[in-house]
Amino acid sequence: MTILSILKELVSRQAGKPARLGGAAIGIGLILLSGCASMSPQYPRPVAPVPAEWPSGAAYKENAEKPADRAAADIPWKEFFINEQLQKLISLALDNNRDLRIAALTIERSRALYRVQRADLFPTVTAAGSGVAQRVPASLSATGEAMTIHQYSVDLGLSAYELDLFGRVRSLKDQALEQFLATEEARRSLQVSLVSEVAGIYLTLAADKEHLRIAQDTLASRQTSYDLIKSRFEAGASSELDLRQAQTSVDSARLDIARFTSLIAQDENALALVIGSPVPADLLPALLSEITALSEFNAGLPSDVLLRRPDIMQAEHLLKAADANIGAARAAFFPRITLTTSIGLASDQLSGLFRGGAGVWSFAPQVSLPIFDSGRNQANLKVSEVGREIFLAQYEKALQSAFREVADTLAQRGTLGDQLEAQQSLLEGAAGSFRLSDARYKSGIDSYLSVLDAQRSLYGAQQGLISVRLARLINLVTLYKVLGGGAAQ
């Protein structure tokens, strides 16, 4: 039985029934015809265009040796960042950061838009009452005498409710739902980035403070050497060349102090920006060497890990929304049925509204079928299909980019242990070389140039050790981020 024949049958069945039931019965019958059909394509999750395993080789040695434990996405950030100061800073950022606030407001807006679209699935019932008084002159009156006409009515009904027989409205509702879910994942993705950004700036600030302390200690040591050489020069025991070389080493340390002082101020400004408020002095970090280590975790498998990243989930929701949009575009080729119906009371006197025989009803279904639209519906379908391919490509690109981010971070992680060990050995060697050079200079065996070279090597090794330690901590924070950690409280 076709839809038009169903409508005809409903109308014919109501022809001999009381008016007070006809409109309601027909309206309810048609509403029940609005099924759950949808013309959206079935959604199979696309095959991830990335390897099933992380890369292996010399650069990934440390990762391969790690025992299996919890994945990063299962570790709340409060358990990963065990430093109390850093936890408080992250909490402040989550409360005050303007980008995160915008994301939260975007979610609220998308939720409201979804509710608006979902409301179209249900009829809107309205009640209306009216009263009309009209004077008809004798020249227009059927009786030839002037008269005053009164008409009062009370109605309850539906207005232009679309029966979703082909799933157009339902597809639009599904599209709005997936877009709403995508905004939620966008907020979680932003939270992941924000948490790691706060941690990165915090660690960088601590490292710069330690750089500054070493530069200050070095300046004090070089100033002492300069004062000694100056005294020896004035006594004729040292050359002017030794004096000038000592002076350059002092100025070099002064230059580094000025540079690190500026970097510390910039780090504090950056921290205030991401937190969204001035940073309390008691939450500023001390030296990098005094910060408690971060928690360890396992990288897991790409197929399990990447699909849990909020940005990947966001791309997948947008892909599902594109599928729903195709369903709406397909439904546009089929008839659109709208229903307007009402049931109520009418009388020429206000007191007669609620007397017997005052019932009225109306039923006005409307069917529209596109016959010729110059290819508009076909073009809209093509737009939705191509749009779906675009979102599919974006989803696959997001997976590939995520895989590369994790692989790069694992490659760096696998060699940082060796770098730290080598840098520590380099520092010990540079310190021993400086002690021997200084002793040989004071004994008159070597020139001050050898002392200056050893001093510069020691200073560089000290600063290099801080940089490697910072890189190792930043790498762990980055790995936590790219594996989807930080979204959970």
Protein backbone atom coordinates (compact mmCIF):
# COMPACT_ATOMS: atom_id res chain seq x y z
CA MET A 1 0.00 0.00 0.00
CA THR A 2 1.38 3.39 -0.99
CA ILE A 3 1.57 6.39 1.28
CA LEU A 4 -1.12 8.23 -0.71
CA SER A 5 -3.47 5.26 -0.49
CA ILE A 6 -2.90 5.10 3.28
CA LEU A 7 -3.85 8.77 3.55
CA LYS A 8 -6.97 8.19 1.42
CA GLU A 9 -7.99 5.21 3.53
CA LEU A 10 -7.64 7.17 6.76
CA VAL A 11 -9.76 10.02 5.42
CA SER A 12 -12.50 7.67 4.14
CA ARG A 13 -12.70 5.85 7.47
CA GLN A 14 -13.29 9.10 9.29
CA ALA A 15 -15.97 10.43 6.94
CA GLY A 16 -18.91 9.04 8.92
CA LYS A 17 -17.54 9.60 12.45
CA PRO A 18 -18.22 12.49 14.82
CA ALA A 19 -16.25 15.65 14.09
CA ARG A 20 -14.77 15.78 17.56
CA LEU A 21 -12.71 12.62 16.86
CA GLY A 22 -11.94 12.81 13.15
CA GLY A 23 -9.00 15.24 13.02
CA ALA A 24 -7.27 13.76 16.04
CA ALA A 25 -7.60 10.17 14.82
CA ILE A 26 -6.30 10.96 11.36
CA GLY A 27 -3.44 13.03 12.76
CA ILE A 28 -2.38 10.30 15.19
CA GLY A 29 -2.58 7.68 12.49
CA LEU A 30 -0.29 9.63 10.19
CA ILE A 31 2.19 10.37 12.93
CA LEU A 32 2.48 6.65 13.58
CA LEU A 33 3.46 6.19 9.94
CA SER A 34 6.58 8.24 10.57
CA GLY A 35 8.99 5.35 11.04
CA CYS A 36 12.65 5.00 11.81
CA ALA A 37 13.75 4.62 8.20
CA SER A 38 17.01 6.27 7.23
CA MET A 39 18.73 6.53 3.88
CA SER A 40 22.15 7.21 5.40
CA PRO A 41 24.83 4.77 4.25
CA GLN A 42 25.90 2.09 6.70
CA TYR A 43 28.97 3.21 8.65
CA PRO A 44 31.88 0.78 8.75
CA ARG A 45 34.90 2.19 10.60
CA PRO A 46 37.59 2.81 7.97
CA VAL A 47 40.68 0.64 8.11
CA ALA A 48 43.47 2.60 9.77
CA PRO A 49 46.10 3.48 7.12
CA VAL A 50 48.98 2.95 9.58
CA PRO A 51 51.11 -0.07 10.56
CA ALA A 52 49.81 -2.37 13.28
CA GLU A 53 53.04 -1.97 15.28
CA TRP A 54 55.22 0.95 16.23
CA PRO A 55 58.55 1.23 14.36
CA SER A 56 61.46 -0.79 15.71
CA GLY A 57 65.22 -0.38 15.54
CA ALA A 58 68.11 1.12 17.42
CA ALA A 59 66.27 4.39 18.07
CA TYR A 60 63.37 2.58 19.73
CA LYS A 61 65.45 0.36 22.03
CA GLU A 62 64.30 1.89 25.31
CA ASN A 63 60.63 1.67 24.35
CA ALA A 64 60.99 -2.00 23.42
CA GLU A 65 62.47 -2.77 26.81
CA LYS A 66 59.65 -1.16 28.78
CA PRO A 67 57.34 -3.63 30.57
CA ALA A 68 53.64 -3.57 29.78
CA ASP A 69 51.52 -1.44 32.08
CA ARG A 70 48.66 1.05 31.81
CA ALA A 71 48.19 3.00 28.61
CA ALA A 72 48.53 6.78 28.72
CA ALA A 73 44.83 7.33 28.01
CA ASP A 74 43.99 5.38 31.19
CA ILE A 75 46.16 7.57 33.42
CA PRO A 76 44.44 10.76 34.68
CA TRP A 77 46.74 13.76 34.53
CA LYS A 78 46.69 14.07 38.32
CA GLU A 79 48.31 10.64 38.52
CA PHE A 80 50.83 11.37 35.78
CA PHE A 81 51.97 14.79 37.02
CA ILE A 82 52.76 13.98 40.62
CA ASN A 83 54.36 17.36 41.38
CA GLU A 84 51.92 19.28 43.60
CA GLN A 85 52.85 22.70 42.23
CA LEU A 86 52.31 21.52 38.68
CA GLN A 87 48.97 19.92 39.59
CA LYS A 88 47.73 23.22 41.00
CA LEU A 89 48.89 25.12 37.91
CA ILE A 90 47.10 22.67 35.60
CA SER A 91 43.92 23.00 37.68
CA LEU A 92 44.12 26.78 37.36
CA ALA A 93 44.58 26.48 33.61
CA LEU A 94 41.56 24.19 33.25
CA ASP A 95 39.46 26.68 35.20
CA ASN A 96 40.68 29.92 33.63
CA ASN A 97 42.09 29.26 30.15
CA ARG A 98 40.09 31.25 27.60
CA ASP A 99 40.57 28.78 24.73
CA LEU A 100 39.15 25.98 26.87
CA ARG A 101 36.30 28.25 27.92
CA ILE A 102 35.48 28.97 24.27
CA ALA A 103 35.51 25.23 23.57
CA ALA A 104 33.09 24.61 26.44
CA LEU A 105 30.75 27.31 25.15
CA THR A 106 30.95 25.81 21.67
CA ILE A 107 29.79 22.50 23.15
CA GLU A 108 26.81 24.20 24.78
CA ARG A 109 25.92 25.84 21.49
CA SER A 110 26.18 22.54 19.59
CA ARG A 111 24.07 20.80 22.21
CA ALA A 112 21.36 23.44 21.81
CA LEU A 113 21.48 23.13 18.01
CA TYR A 114 21.12 19.36 18.33
CA ARG A 115 18.06 19.80 20.55
CA VAL A 116 16.57 22.20 17.98
CA GLN A 117 17.09 19.65 15.19
CA ARG A 118 15.82 16.77 17.32
CA ALA A 119 12.61 18.68 18.10
CA ASP A 120 11.65 18.41 14.41
CA LEU A 121 11.07 14.68 14.92
CA PHE A 122 8.04 15.44 17.07
CA PRO A 123 4.91 17.43 16.27
CA THR A 124 4.51 20.87 17.74
CA VAL A 125 1.13 21.13 19.40
CA THR A 126 -0.27 24.63 19.77
CA ALA A 127 -3.39 25.97 21.42
CA ALA A 128 -5.13 29.07 20.12
CA GLY A 129 -8.20 31.04 20.98
CA SER A 130 -9.80 33.83 18.99
CA GLY A 131 -12.80 36.09 18.96
CA VAL A 132 -14.09 38.16 16.03
CA ALA A 133 -16.85 40.80 15.93
CA GLN A 134 -17.71 42.18 12.49
CA ARG A 135 -20.46 44.62 11.32
CA VAL A 136 -21.90 43.90 7.88
CA PRO A 137 -23.71 46.84 6.21
CA ALA A 138 -27.13 46.37 4.66
CA SER A 139 -25.72 46.61 1.15
CA LEU A 140 -23.56 43.54 1.76
CA SER A 141 -25.87 41.61 4.03
CA ALA A 142 -27.72 38.59 2.65
CA THR A 143 -30.86 39.70 4.48
CA GLY A 144 -30.70 43.31 3.26
CA GLU A 145 -30.32 44.57 6.79
CA ALA A 146 -27.23 45.61 8.67
CA MET A 147 -26.01 43.03 11.14
CA THR A 148 -23.17 42.34 13.56
CA ILE A 149 -21.49 38.91 13.36
CA HIS A 150 -19.72 37.34 16.34
CA GLN A 151 -17.43 34.30 16.10
CA TYR A 152 -15.44 32.63 18.90
CA SER A 153 -13.18 29.58 18.70
CA VAL A 154 -10.74 27.50 20.75
CA ASP A 155 -8.40 25.15 18.82
CA LEU A 156 -5.69 22.59 19.58
CA GLY A 157 -3.65 21.31 16.67
CA LEU A 158 -0.47 20.66 14.67
CA SER A 159 1.03 23.00 12.14
CA ALA A 160 3.11 21.83 9.15
CA TYR A 161 4.52 18.76 10.90
CA GLU A 162 6.66 16.72 8.50
CA LEU A 163 6.08 12.98 8.54
CA ASP A 164 9.63 11.60 8.38
CA LEU A 165 8.78 8.58 6.23
CA PHE A 166 12.09 8.68 4.37
CA GLY A 167 14.38 9.68 7.23
CA ARG A 168 15.25 13.21 6.11
CA VAL A 169 14.58 14.82 9.49
CA ARG A 170 16.14 11.89 11.33
CA SER A 171 19.29 12.17 9.22
CA LEU A 172 19.56 15.86 9.97
CA LYS A 173 19.13 15.04 13.67
CA ASP A 174 21.91 12.43 13.45
CA GLN A 175 24.16 14.93 11.71
CA ALA A 176 23.59 17.49 14.47
CA LEU A 177 24.27 14.83 17.11
CA GLU A 178 27.59 13.79 15.55
CA GLN A 179 28.65 17.42 15.22
CA PHE A 180 27.81 17.96 18.87
CA LEU A 181 29.88 14.91 19.85
CA ALA A 182 32.72 16.22 17.69
CA THR A 183 32.76 19.50 19.62
CA GLU A 184 33.03 17.54 22.88
CA GLU A 185 36.03 15.64 21.51
CA ALA A 186 37.51 18.94 20.32
CA ARG A 187 37.29 20.23 23.88
CA ARG A 188 38.98 17.09 25.22
CA SER A 189 41.70 17.42 22.59
CA LEU A 190 42.25 21.01 23.62
CA GLN A 191 42.45 19.92 27.26
CA VAL A 192 45.13 17.36 26.36
CA SER A 193 47.16 20.06 24.61
CA LEU A 194 46.61 22.53 27.44
CA VAL A 195 47.74 20.11 30.14
CA SER A 196 50.92 19.24 28.25
CA GLU A 197 51.57 22.89 27.41
CA VAL A 198 51.38 23.94 31.07
CA ALA A 199 53.75 21.10 31.99
CA GLY A 200 56.15 21.98 29.18
CA ILE A 201 56.36 25.65 30.15
CA TYR A 202 56.72 24.71 33.82
CA LEU A 203 59.64 22.39 33.09
CA THR A 204 61.25 24.90 30.72
CA LEU A 205 61.02 27.61 33.37
CA ALA A 206 62.68 25.29 35.90
CA ALA A 207 65.44 24.48 33.39
CA ASP A 208 66.07 28.15 32.62
CA LYS A 209 66.31 28.88 36.32
CA GLU A 210 68.94 26.18 36.63
CA HIS A 211 70.75 27.54 33.57
CA LEU A 212 70.77 30.94 35.27
CA ARG A 213 72.12 29.52 38.52
CA ILE A 214 75.01 27.81 36.72
CA ALA A 215 75.74 31.00 34.78
CA GLN A 216 75.80 32.96 38.04
CA ASP A 217 78.10 30.41 39.69
CA THR A 218 80.33 30.46 36.62
CA LEU A 219 80.44 34.26 36.65
CA ALA A 220 81.51 34.23 40.31
CA SER A 221 84.26 31.71 39.56
CA ARG A 222 85.48 33.58 36.49
CA GLN A 223 85.38 36.88 38.33
CA THR A 224 87.62 35.40 41.01
CA SER A 225 90.03 34.15 38.35
CA TYR A 226 89.96 37.52 36.62
CA ASP A 227 90.76 39.35 39.88
CA LEU A 228 93.66 36.95 40.51
CA ILE A 229 95.07 37.39 37.02
CA LYS A 230 94.66 41.13 37.24
CA SER A 231 96.70 41.13 40.45
CA ARG A 232 99.34 38.94 38.79
CA PHE A 233 99.35 41.22 35.74
CA GLU A 234 99.85 44.29 37.88
CA ALA A 235 102.73 42.46 39.63
CA GLY A 236 104.20 41.48 36.25
CA ALA A 237 103.57 37.75 36.74
CA SER A 238 100.91 37.41 34.02
CA SER A 239 100.64 38.73 30.49
CA GLU A 240 98.09 41.17 29.18
CA LEU A 241 96.85 38.36 26.93
CA ASP A 242 95.91 36.29 30.00
CA LEU A 243 94.12 39.32 31.44
CA ARG A 244 92.09 39.94 28.27
CA GLN A 245 91.19 36.28 27.94
CA ALA A 246 89.94 36.23 31.53
CA GLN A 247 87.94 39.36 30.85
CA THR A 248 86.22 37.77 27.82
CA SER A 249 85.24 34.76 29.94
CA VAL A 250 83.68 37.07 32.54
CA ASP A 251 81.76 39.03 29.90
CA SER A 252 80.56 35.80 28.31
CA ALA A 253 79.06 34.68 31.63
CA ARG A 254 77.46 38.09 32.13
CA LEU A 255 75.89 37.80 28.69
CA ASP A 256 74.40 34.40 29.54
CA ILE A 257 73.01 35.72 32.82
CA ALA A 258 71.20 38.52 30.97
CA ARG A 259 69.90 36.05 28.38
CA PHE A 260 68.58 33.52 30.89
CA THR A 261 67.05 36.29 33.02
CA SER A 262 65.08 37.39 29.97
CA LEU A 263 64.06 33.80 29.14
CA ILE A 264 62.78 33.25 32.69
CA ALA A 265 60.60 36.36 32.44
CA GLN A 266 59.23 35.16 29.09
CA ASP A 267 58.53 31.70 30.52
CA GLU A 268 56.58 33.23 33.39
CA ASN A 269 54.59 35.36 30.92
CA ALA A 270 53.79 32.27 28.83
CA LEU A 271 52.71 30.39 31.94
CA ALA A 272 50.40 33.24 32.96
CA LEU A 273 48.83 33.22 29.49
CA VAL A 274 47.99 29.51 29.38
CA ILE A 275 46.78 29.57 32.99
CA GLY A 276 44.61 32.59 32.27
CA SER A 277 45.57 34.46 35.44
CA PRO A 278 48.71 35.72 37.24
CA VAL A 279 50.83 32.86 38.52
CA PRO A 280 51.06 32.71 42.35
CA ALA A 281 54.67 33.02 43.46
CA ASP A 282 54.47 29.85 45.55
CA LEU A 283 53.57 27.81 42.44
CA LEU A 284 56.63 28.83 40.43
CA PRO A 285 59.14 25.98 40.08
CA ALA A 286 62.57 25.90 41.64
CA LEU A 287 65.39 24.14 39.77
CA LEU A 288 64.85 21.35 37.26
CA SER A 289 66.94 18.93 39.30
CA GLU A 290 64.53 19.36 42.22
CA ILE A 291 61.38 18.39 40.29
CA THR A 292 59.98 14.94 41.02
CA ALA A 293 60.05 12.56 38.08
CA LEU A 294 56.89 11.91 36.09
CA SER A 295 55.00 8.60 36.00
CA GLU A 296 55.94 5.94 33.48
CA PHE A 297 53.53 4.17 31.12
CA ASN A 298 53.43 1.86 28.09
CA ALA A 299 52.97 3.02 24.51
CA GLY A 300 50.62 0.15 23.65
CA LEU A 301 49.60 -0.75 20.09
CA PRO A 302 48.67 1.80 17.39
CA SER A 303 45.25 0.26 16.70
CA ASP A 304 44.31 0.45 20.38
CA VAL A 305 45.91 3.77 21.25
CA LEU A 306 45.34 6.10 18.31
CA LEU A 307 41.60 5.49 18.08
CA ARG A 308 41.28 6.74 21.67
CA ARG A 309 42.87 10.09 20.94
CA PRO A 310 40.26 12.85 21.15
CA ASP A 311 41.29 14.42 17.84
CA ILE A 312 40.87 11.05 16.07
CA MET A 313 37.47 10.57 17.70
CA GLN A 314 36.51 14.09 16.63
CA ALA A 315 37.43 13.30 13.01
CA GLU A 316 35.39 10.09 13.19
CA HIS A 317 32.29 11.90 14.49
CA LEU A 318 32.57 14.40 11.64
CA LEU A 319 32.80 11.49 9.21
CA LYS A 320 29.60 10.00 10.69
CA ALA A 321 27.94 13.41 10.38
CA ALA A 322 28.84 13.43 6.70
CA ASP A 323 27.15 10.02 6.30
CA ALA A 324 24.01 11.40 7.90
CA ASN A 325 24.10 14.37 5.55
CA ILE A 326 24.09 11.93 2.62
CA GLY A 327 20.93 10.35 4.05
CA ALA A 328 19.20 13.73 4.16
CA ALA A 329 20.28 14.48 0.58
CA ARG A 330 18.93 11.12 -0.63
CA ALA A 331 15.60 11.64 1.14
CA ALA A 332 15.15 14.92 -0.76
CA PHE A 333 14.35 12.89 -3.91
CA PHE A 334 11.22 11.41 -2.31
CA PRO A 335 7.86 12.96 -1.43
CA ARG A 336 7.72 15.24 1.57
CA ILE A 337 4.52 14.95 3.56
CA THR A 338 3.46 17.65 5.98
CA LEU A 339 0.47 17.54 8.26
CA THR A 340 -1.65 20.42 9.54
CA THR A 341 -4.58 19.45 11.70
CA SER A 342 -6.64 20.93 14.50
CA ILE A 343 -9.55 20.06 16.75
CA GLY A 344 -11.55 22.56 18.78
CA LEU A 345 -14.77 24.42 19.47
CA ALA A 346 -16.50 27.29 17.65
CA SER A 347 -19.65 29.31 18.26
CA ASP A 348 -21.25 32.64 17.40
CA GLN A 349 -21.59 33.30 21.11
CA LEU A 350 -18.94 33.11 23.78
CA SER A 351 -21.32 31.28 26.12
CA GLY A 352 -22.01 28.68 23.44
CA LEU A 353 -18.43 27.48 23.06
CA PHE A 354 -18.81 24.67 25.54
CA ARG A 355 -22.30 23.53 24.61
CA GLY A 356 -23.02 20.42 22.61
CA GLY A 357 -22.56 20.55 18.85
CA ALA A 358 -19.80 23.20 18.94
CA GLY A 359 -16.98 20.84 17.94
CA VAL A 360 -14.95 21.51 14.79
CA TRP A 361 -11.92 19.85 13.21
CA SER A 362 -9.73 20.25 10.21
CA PHE A 363 -7.24 17.96 8.55
CA ALA A 364 -4.95 19.19 5.76
CA PRO A 365 -2.14 16.81 4.74
CA GLN A 366 0.10 18.04 1.96
CA VAL A 367 2.36 15.96 -0.27
CA SER A 368 5.08 17.55 -2.38
CA LEU A 369 7.22 15.63 -4.85
CA PRO A 370 10.14 17.20 -6.73
CA ILE A 371 9.50 16.88 -10.46
CA PHE A 372 11.97 19.31 -12.01
CA ASP A 373 14.53 21.27 -10.01
CA SER A 374 17.26 21.81 -12.62
CA GLY A 375 19.40 19.13 -10.95
CA ARG A 376 19.51 20.83 -7.55
CA ASN A 377 18.82 17.66 -5.53
CA GLN A 378 21.33 15.70 -7.58
CA ALA A 379 23.94 18.39 -7.03
CA ASN A 380 23.23 18.48 -3.29
CA LEU A 381 23.69 14.72 -3.14
CA LYS A 382 26.98 15.02 -5.00
CA VAL A 383 28.10 17.74 -2.58
CA SER A 384 27.31 15.53 0.40
CA GLU A 385 29.07 12.51 -1.13
CA VAL A 386 32.20 14.47 -1.97
CA GLY A 387 32.07 16.07 1.47
CA ARG A 388 32.04 12.59 2.98
CA GLU A 389 35.17 11.68 1.00
CA ILE A 390 36.85 14.83 2.27
CA PHE A 391 36.07 13.93 5.89
CA LEU A 392 37.29 10.38 5.25
CA ALA A 393 40.59 11.70 3.93
CA GLN A 394 40.87 14.03 6.91
CA TYR A 395 40.21 11.12 9.27
CA GLU A 396 42.90 9.02 7.62
CA LYS A 397 45.33 11.94 7.61
CA ALA A 398 44.66 12.50 11.32
CA LEU A 399 45.54 8.84 11.99
CA GLN A 400 48.72 9.06 9.94
CA SER A 401 49.79 12.30 11.62
CA ALA A 402 49.09 10.82 15.05
CA PHE A 403 51.14 7.72 14.20
CA ARG A 404 54.06 9.88 13.09
CA GLU A 405 53.86 12.03 16.25
CA VAL A 406 54.03 8.96 18.47
CA ALA A 407 56.76 7.32 16.38
CA ASP A 408 58.93 10.46 16.46
CA THR A 409 58.48 10.79 20.21
CA LEU A 410 59.35 7.12 20.74
CA ALA A 411 62.43 7.50 18.56
CA GLN A 412 63.63 10.40 20.68
CA ARG A 413 62.76 8.58 23.89
CA GLY A 414 64.77 5.53 22.87
CA THR A 415 68.03 7.50 22.67
CA LEU A 416 67.63 10.04 25.46
CA GLY A 417 68.88 7.59 28.05
CA ASP A 418 72.13 7.15 26.13
CA GLN A 419 72.38 10.91 25.63
CA LEU A 420 71.98 11.54 29.34
CA GLU A 421 74.61 8.93 30.24
CA ALA A 422 77.05 10.35 27.69
CA GLN A 423 76.40 13.93 28.81
CA GLN A 424 77.03 12.99 32.45
CA SER A 425 80.31 11.34 31.47
CA LEU A 426 81.21 14.41 29.41
CA LEU A 427 80.58 16.65 32.40
CA GLU A 428 82.80 14.53 34.64
CA GLY A 429 85.58 14.60 32.05
CA ALA A 430 85.27 18.35 31.55
CA ALA A 431 85.39 18.95 35.30
CA GLY A 432 88.56 16.85 35.62
CA SER A 433 90.14 18.62 32.66
CA PHE A 434 89.42 22.01 34.18
CA ARG A 435 90.97 21.04 37.50
CA LEU A 436 94.14 19.80 35.81
CA SER A 437 94.42 22.83 33.50
CA ASP A 438 93.93 25.24 36.37
CA ALA A 439 96.59 23.46 38.42
CA ARG A 440 99.06 23.43 35.50
CA TYR A 441 98.47 27.16 34.89
CA LYS A 442 99.04 28.03 38.53
CA SER A 443 102.22 25.95 38.41
CA GLY A 444 103.38 27.89 35.36
CA ILE A 445 103.35 24.85 33.07
CA ASP A 446 100.52 25.94 30.71
CA SER A 447 99.14 29.25 29.54
CA TYR A 448 95.81 30.60 30.64
CA LEU A 449 94.37 29.71 27.22
CA SER A 450 94.22 26.02 28.19
CA VAL A 451 92.40 26.98 31.40
CA LEU A 452 89.94 29.09 29.43
CA ASP A 453 89.23 26.25 26.99
CA ALA A 454 88.68 23.79 29.82
CA GLN A 455 86.48 26.28 31.63
CA ARG A 456 84.31 26.79 28.55
CA SER A 457 84.04 23.03 28.01
CA LEU A 458 82.94 22.54 31.63
CA TYR A 459 80.37 25.32 31.39
CA GLY A 460 79.01 23.90 28.13
CA ALA A 461 78.80 20.41 29.63
CA GLN A 462 76.90 21.74 32.65
CA GLN A 463 74.39 23.57 30.47
CA GLY A 464 74.16 20.59 28.14
CA LEU A 465 73.27 18.26 31.01
CA ILE A 466 70.36 20.52 31.96
CA SER A 467 69.17 20.55 28.34
CA VAL A 468 69.25 16.76 28.08
CA ARG A 469 67.38 16.37 31.38
CA LEU A 470 64.77 18.86 30.16
CA ALA A 471 64.49 17.06 26.82
CA ARG A 472 63.87 13.77 28.61
CA LEU A 473 61.08 15.20 30.76
CA ILE A 474 59.53 17.10 27.84
CA ASN A 475 59.68 13.92 25.77
CA LEU A 476 57.74 12.02 28.43
CA VAL A 477 55.13 14.79 28.59
CA THR A 478 54.86 14.81 24.80
CA LEU A 479 54.49 11.03 24.68
CA TYR A 480 51.73 11.25 27.26
CA LYS A 481 50.00 13.85 25.10
CA VAL A 482 50.31 12.12 21.71
CA LEU A 483 49.04 8.85 23.20
CA GLY A 484 45.85 10.59 24.32
CA GLY A 485 46.70 11.17 27.96
CA GLY A 486 45.39 14.16 29.84
CA ALA A 487 41.75 14.11 28.76
CA ALA A 488 40.55 12.50 31.98
CA GLN A 489 40.50 14.38 35.29
